[in-house]
Amino acid sequence: MPKIIKLVIDTIAKLRVLCADESILIVCCEKNVEEFIEVSSREKLRKYVNKEAAAETLELIRRYAIKADVENVAVRGLNDPKDSFLFALADTANVDFLITGDNHLLSLQRHNNTVIISFSDFYRWRYEG
């Protein structure tokens, strides 16, 4: 049996690809879901994520992701303090990777035991490596 890889996904729109891999455990919290709903409902993003795709993504989260309860803690050095929950979630669930498209988060490269990586780099490492 392959090692289970635990992930936190900041860009949960990429969820569909990862749900098919039984060796990946996706961890989320209520804040992930709230953020996705808020961001996907922005008018300027409708050309990228329509209502049907957003609803499908939420269903995937409900079906495949493991929910964790976390307290939002302050993390120094973040451009956007609202991202602190991602690090709290990563620590709480002891995840291997935090997948994000945020350049500031990517520049950090690690948080404690968690590697911070883009979806495309993770995909190459996992499926093309």
Protein backbone atom coordinates (compact mmCIF):
# COMPACT_ATOMS: atom_id res chain seq x y z
CA MET A 1 0.00 0.00 0.00
CA PRO A 2 1.48 3.38 -0.97
CA LYS A 3 2.15 6.03 1.67
CA ILE A 4 -0.84 8.29 2.24
CA ILE A 5 -0.06 11.91 1.39
CA LYS A 6 -1.97 14.50 3.41
CA LEU A 7 -2.74 17.86 1.78
CA VAL A 8 -4.25 21.22 2.51
CA ILE A 9 -5.42 22.89 -0.68
CA ASP A 10 -5.67 26.65 -0.83
CA THR A 11 -6.79 26.47 -4.45
CA ILE A 12 -9.61 23.99 -3.97
CA ALA A 13 -10.79 24.48 -7.53
CA LYS A 14 -8.11 21.87 -8.44
CA LEU A 15 -9.78 19.33 -6.19
CA ARG A 16 -11.24 17.06 -8.89
CA VAL A 17 -7.83 15.79 -10.03
CA LEU A 18 -6.75 14.84 -6.52
CA CYS A 19 -9.98 13.14 -5.44
CA ALA A 20 -9.34 10.27 -7.84
CA ASP A 21 -6.06 9.37 -6.09
CA GLU A 22 -6.78 7.04 -3.16
CA SER A 23 -3.33 7.63 -1.70
CA ILE A 24 -4.11 11.31 -1.10
CA LEU A 25 -5.98 12.53 1.95
CA ILE A 26 -7.35 16.05 1.51
CA VAL A 27 -7.84 18.00 4.72
CA CYS A 28 -9.97 21.11 4.96
CA CYS A 29 -11.74 23.25 7.51
CA GLU A 30 -14.85 25.38 7.49
CA LYS A 31 -12.75 28.44 6.61
CA ASN A 32 -11.61 26.75 3.35
CA VAL A 33 -15.22 26.20 2.36
CA GLU A 34 -16.29 29.72 3.33
CA GLU A 35 -13.40 31.23 1.37
CA PHE A 36 -14.20 29.13 -1.71
CA ILE A 37 -17.86 30.15 -1.62
CA GLU A 38 -16.95 33.81 -1.22
CA VAL A 39 -14.27 33.83 -3.93
CA SER A 40 -16.24 31.73 -6.43
CA SER A 41 -19.22 34.05 -6.11
CA ARG A 42 -17.23 37.14 -7.15
CA GLU A 43 -18.52 38.49 -10.43
CA LYS A 44 -15.04 38.95 -11.92
CA LEU A 45 -14.31 35.23 -11.42
CA ARG A 46 -17.51 33.95 -13.03
CA LYS A 47 -15.68 33.51 -16.35
CA TYR A 48 -13.35 31.00 -14.62
CA VAL A 49 -15.73 29.29 -12.19
CA ASN A 50 -19.40 29.11 -13.10
CA LYS A 51 -22.14 28.27 -10.58
CA GLU A 52 -22.34 24.63 -11.66
CA ALA A 53 -18.56 24.10 -11.31
CA ALA A 54 -18.60 25.78 -7.89
CA ALA A 55 -21.46 23.54 -6.73
CA GLU A 56 -19.64 20.45 -8.03
CA THR A 57 -16.48 21.46 -6.17
CA LEU A 58 -18.41 21.91 -2.93
CA GLU A 59 -19.90 18.44 -3.38
CA LEU A 60 -16.40 16.99 -3.87
CA ILE A 61 -15.29 18.65 -0.64
CA ARG A 62 -18.24 17.18 1.24
CA ARG A 63 -17.61 13.73 -0.22
CA TYR A 64 -13.82 13.41 -0.14
CA ALA A 65 -12.19 15.88 2.22
CA ILE A 66 -11.52 15.19 5.88
CA LYS A 67 -12.75 18.09 8.01
CA ALA A 68 -10.55 19.41 10.80
CA ASP A 69 -11.40 21.90 13.50
CA VAL A 70 -8.76 24.59 13.85
CA GLU A 71 -8.37 27.88 15.60
CA ASN A 72 -7.08 30.72 13.47
CA VAL A 73 -3.70 31.68 14.88
CA ALA A 74 -1.50 34.58 13.88
CA VAL A 75 1.50 33.74 11.71
CA ARG A 76 4.17 36.38 11.33
CA GLY A 77 5.40 37.46 7.92
CA LEU A 78 2.22 36.85 5.95
CA ASN A 79 1.11 39.45 3.41
CA ASP A 80 -2.48 38.40 4.02
CA PRO A 81 -3.18 37.56 7.70
CA LYS A 82 -6.37 35.79 6.57
CA ASP A 83 -4.10 32.98 5.31
CA SER A 84 -3.10 32.10 8.88
CA PHE A 85 -5.85 29.47 8.98
CA LEU A 86 -4.03 27.49 6.28
CA PHE A 87 -0.97 27.15 8.51
CA ALA A 88 -3.10 26.34 11.55
CA LEU A 89 -4.83 23.65 9.50
CA ALA A 90 -1.52 22.29 8.21
CA ASP A 91 -0.19 22.06 11.77
CA THR A 92 -3.38 20.58 13.24
CA ALA A 93 -3.61 17.85 10.61
CA ASN A 94 0.16 17.40 10.26
CA VAL A 95 -0.08 17.58 6.48
CA ASP A 96 2.74 16.91 4.04
CA PHE A 97 1.85 19.64 1.53
CA LEU A 98 0.03 22.94 1.30
CA ILE A 99 -0.99 23.45 -2.33
CA THR A 100 -1.50 27.08 -3.29
CA GLY A 101 -1.30 29.55 -6.13
CA ASP A 102 -0.44 32.44 -3.81
CA ASN A 103 3.06 33.68 -4.74
CA HIS A 104 3.77 34.99 -1.26
CA LEU A 105 2.92 31.65 0.35
CA LEU A 106 4.94 29.83 -2.31
CA SER A 107 7.96 32.02 -1.54
CA LEU A 108 7.93 30.70 2.04
CA GLN A 109 8.51 27.13 0.70
CA ARG A 110 7.86 25.47 4.09
CA HIS A 111 5.84 25.88 7.23
CA ASN A 112 7.07 23.64 10.02
CA ASN A 113 6.79 20.10 8.53
CA THR A 114 4.67 21.18 5.56
CA VAL A 115 6.04 21.82 2.07
CA ILE A 116 4.32 24.75 0.33
CA ILE A 117 3.99 23.98 -3.37
CA SER A 118 2.00 25.01 -6.44
CA PHE A 119 -0.55 22.64 -7.89
CA SER A 120 1.46 22.24 -11.11
CA ASP A 121 4.68 21.43 -9.22
CA PHE A 122 2.83 18.96 -6.98
CA TYR A 123 1.21 17.35 -10.03
CA ARG A 124 4.59 16.96 -11.76
CA TRP A 125 6.17 15.54 -8.60
CA ARG A 126 3.30 13.13 -7.93
CA TYR A 127 2.25 11.98 -11.39
CA GLU A 128 5.09 12.72 -13.77
CA GLY A 129 8.12 12.34 -11.49
